[in-house]
Amino acid sequence: MLTASSQGELEHRRVKRFYQRVHKGKFTRGIAKQQQRERVIAKMKELAPQASRKGTQKRRDDAQGWGDSISSPDDETLRDIRPQQHHHISADV
């Protein structure tokens, strides 16, 4: 069980974490915005069904090129190169 002083200390640490990301002249407004964003994201995660989270991750992976690739019949074959070469261009035209 948290006492009032330990809960206050945890909140103080949380605010200090936000401080490094805000404009130092307007830190109260910046910290408030960061806290609001954190609440919105937490609420979105809470309301999102588990199945759609998995689908979102898959779409994100595909967009970054980490998903399954599609091969075409026109795939070019490239010869082996040395590790020092930075470019690998096919000779097929």
C-alpha atoms as a PDB file:
ATOM      1  CA  MET A   1       0.000   0.000   0.000  1.00  0.00           C
ATOM      2  CA  LEU A   2       1.304   3.425  -0.949  1.00  0.00           C
ATOM      3  CA  THR A   3       1.484   6.167   1.609  1.00  0.00           C
ATOM      4  CA  ALA A   4       0.779   9.760   0.654  1.00  0.00           C
ATOM      5  CA  SER A   5       4.473  10.667   0.704  1.00  0.00           C
ATOM      6  CA  SER A   6       5.549   7.716  -1.482  1.00  0.00           C
ATOM      7  CA  GLN A   7       2.734   8.417  -3.955  1.00  0.00           C
ATOM      8  CA  GLY A   8       3.839  12.054  -4.092  1.00  0.00           C
ATOM      9  CA  GLU A   9       7.417  10.992  -4.750  1.00  0.00           C
ATOM     10  CA  LEU A  10       6.323   8.747  -7.631  1.00  0.00           C
ATOM     11  CA  GLU A  11       4.368  11.619  -9.174  1.00  0.00           C
ATOM     12  CA  HIS A  12       7.389  13.905  -8.754  1.00  0.00           C
ATOM     13  CA  ARG A  13       9.599  11.427 -10.624  1.00  0.00           C
ATOM     14  CA  ARG A  14       7.025  11.195 -13.409  1.00  0.00           C
ATOM     15  CA  VAL A  15       6.965  14.972 -13.843  1.00  0.00           C
ATOM     16  CA  LYS A  16      10.772  15.119 -13.869  1.00  0.00           C
ATOM     17  CA  ARG A  17      10.747  12.610 -16.733  1.00  0.00           C
ATOM     18  CA  PHE A  18       8.545  14.966 -18.789  1.00  0.00           C
ATOM     19  CA  TYR A  19      10.625  18.053 -17.977  1.00  0.00           C
ATOM     20  CA  GLN A  20      13.534  17.040 -20.224  1.00  0.00           C
ATOM     21  CA  ARG A  21      11.214  17.010 -23.276  1.00  0.00           C
ATOM     22  CA  VAL A  22       9.537  20.403 -22.886  1.00  0.00           C
ATOM     23  CA  HIS A  23      10.357  24.067 -23.538  1.00  0.00           C
ATOM     24  CA  LYS A  24      12.080  25.256 -20.377  1.00  0.00           C
ATOM     25  CA  GLY A  25      10.380  28.665 -20.406  1.00  0.00           C
ATOM     26  CA  LYS A  26       6.910  27.115 -20.612  1.00  0.00           C
ATOM     27  CA  PHE A  27       7.480  23.898 -18.719  1.00  0.00           C
ATOM     28  CA  THR A  28       4.118  23.811 -16.887  1.00  0.00           C
ATOM     29  CA  ARG A  29       2.181  23.888 -20.159  1.00  0.00           C
ATOM     30  CA  GLY A  30       4.557  21.371 -21.756  1.00  0.00           C
ATOM     31  CA  ILE A  31       4.336  18.927 -18.854  1.00  0.00           C
ATOM     32  CA  ALA A  32       0.542  19.205 -18.861  1.00  0.00           C
ATOM     33  CA  LYS A  33       0.491  18.402 -22.604  1.00  0.00           C
ATOM     34  CA  GLN A  34       2.761  15.396 -22.077  1.00  0.00           C
ATOM     35  CA  GLN A  35       0.519  14.078 -19.289  1.00  0.00           C
ATOM     36  CA  GLN A  36      -2.554  14.556 -21.483  1.00  0.00           C
ATOM     37  CA  ARG A  37      -0.919  12.664 -24.365  1.00  0.00           C
ATOM     38  CA  GLU A  38       0.020   9.847 -22.014  1.00  0.00           C
ATOM     39  CA  ARG A  39      -3.583   9.576 -20.769  1.00  0.00           C
ATOM     40  CA  VAL A  40      -4.969   9.570 -24.332  1.00  0.00           C
ATOM     41  CA  ILE A  41      -2.569   6.835 -25.446  1.00  0.00           C
ATOM     42  CA  ALA A  42      -3.336   4.731 -22.373  1.00  0.00           C
ATOM     43  CA  LYS A  43      -7.064   5.091 -23.016  1.00  0.00           C
ATOM     44  CA  MET A  44      -6.641   4.138 -26.681  1.00  0.00           C
ATOM     45  CA  LYS A  45      -4.699   1.023 -25.695  1.00  0.00           C
ATOM     46  CA  GLU A  46      -7.365   0.125 -23.157  1.00  0.00           C
ATOM     47  CA  LEU A  47     -10.224   0.509 -25.646  1.00  0.00           C
ATOM     48  CA  ALA A  48      -8.516  -1.241 -28.560  1.00  0.00           C
ATOM     49  CA  PRO A  49      -9.493  -4.910 -28.849  1.00  0.00           C
ATOM     50  CA  GLN A  50      -6.675  -7.427 -28.632  1.00  0.00           C
ATOM     51  CA  ALA A  51      -7.240  -8.735 -32.186  1.00  0.00           C
ATOM     52  CA  SER A  52      -6.827  -5.330 -33.803  1.00  0.00           C
ATOM     53  CA  ARG A  53      -3.517  -4.787 -31.990  1.00  0.00           C
ATOM     54  CA  LYS A  54      -2.081  -7.820 -33.724  1.00  0.00           C
ATOM     55  CA  GLY A  55      -3.355  -6.603 -37.104  1.00  0.00           C
ATOM     56  CA  THR A  56      -1.896  -3.154 -36.536  1.00  0.00           C
ATOM     57  CA  GLN A  57       1.512  -4.625 -35.757  1.00  0.00           C
ATOM     58  CA  LYS A  58       1.424  -6.751 -38.907  1.00  0.00           C
ATOM     59  CA  ARG A  59       0.498  -3.772 -41.092  1.00  0.00           C
ATOM     60  CA  ARG A  60       3.295  -1.720 -39.504  1.00  0.00           C
ATOM     61  CA  ASP A  61       5.798  -4.521 -40.149  1.00  0.00           C
ATOM     62  CA  ASP A  62       4.697  -4.796 -43.792  1.00  0.00           C
ATOM     63  CA  ALA A  63       4.991  -1.036 -44.295  1.00  0.00           C
ATOM     64  CA  GLN A  64       8.554  -1.128 -42.998  1.00  0.00           C
ATOM     65  CA  GLY A  65       9.467  -4.027 -45.271  1.00  0.00           C
ATOM     66  CA  TRP A  66       9.698  -6.617 -42.516  1.00  0.00           C
ATOM     67  CA  GLY A  67       6.714  -8.688 -43.605  1.00  0.00           C
ATOM     68  CA  ASP A  68       6.506 -11.333 -46.287  1.00  0.00           C
ATOM     69  CA  SER A  69       7.871 -10.268 -49.648  1.00  0.00           C
ATOM     70  CA  ILE A  70       6.179 -10.848 -52.980  1.00  0.00           C
ATOM     71  CA  SER A  71       8.298 -12.442 -55.651  1.00  0.00           C
ATOM     72  CA  SER A  72       7.666 -11.805 -59.308  1.00  0.00           C
ATOM     73  CA  PRO A  73       8.648 -13.882 -62.343  1.00  0.00           C
ATOM     74  CA  ASP A  74      10.943 -11.023 -63.420  1.00  0.00           C
ATOM     75  CA  ASP A  75      13.274 -11.377 -60.430  1.00  0.00           C
ATOM     76  CA  GLU A  76      16.818 -10.515 -61.426  1.00  0.00           C
ATOM     77  CA  THR A  77      19.610 -12.823 -60.405  1.00  0.00           C
ATOM     78  CA  LEU A  78      22.654 -11.071 -59.041  1.00  0.00           C
ATOM     79  CA  ARG A  79      26.124 -12.538 -58.868  1.00  0.00           C
ATOM     80  CA  ASP A  80      28.008 -12.730 -55.592  1.00  0.00           C
ATOM     81  CA  ILE A  81      29.985  -9.647 -54.670  1.00  0.00           C
ATOM     82  CA  ARG A  82      32.719  -8.732 -52.234  1.00  0.00           C
ATOM     83  CA  PRO A  83      31.665  -7.179 -48.907  1.00  0.00           C
ATOM     84  CA  GLN A  84      33.636  -4.009 -49.773  1.00  0.00           C
ATOM     85  CA  GLN A  85      31.350  -3.197 -52.720  1.00  0.00           C
ATOM     86  CA  HIS A  86      28.464  -0.938 -51.757  1.00  0.00           C
ATOM     87  CA  HIS A  87      26.323  -1.317 -54.884  1.00  0.00           C
ATOM     88  CA  HIS A  88      25.013  -4.421 -56.558  1.00  0.00           C
ATOM     89  CA  ILE A  89      23.531  -3.777 -60.020  1.00  0.00           C
ATOM     90  CA  SER A  90      22.295  -6.490 -62.352  1.00  0.00           C
ATOM     91  CA  ALA A  91      23.798  -6.801 -65.835  1.00  0.00           C
ATOM     92  CA  ASP A  92      20.468  -8.082 -67.310  1.00  0.00           C
ATOM     93  CA  VAL A  93      18.632  -5.657 -69.561  1.00  0.00           C
END
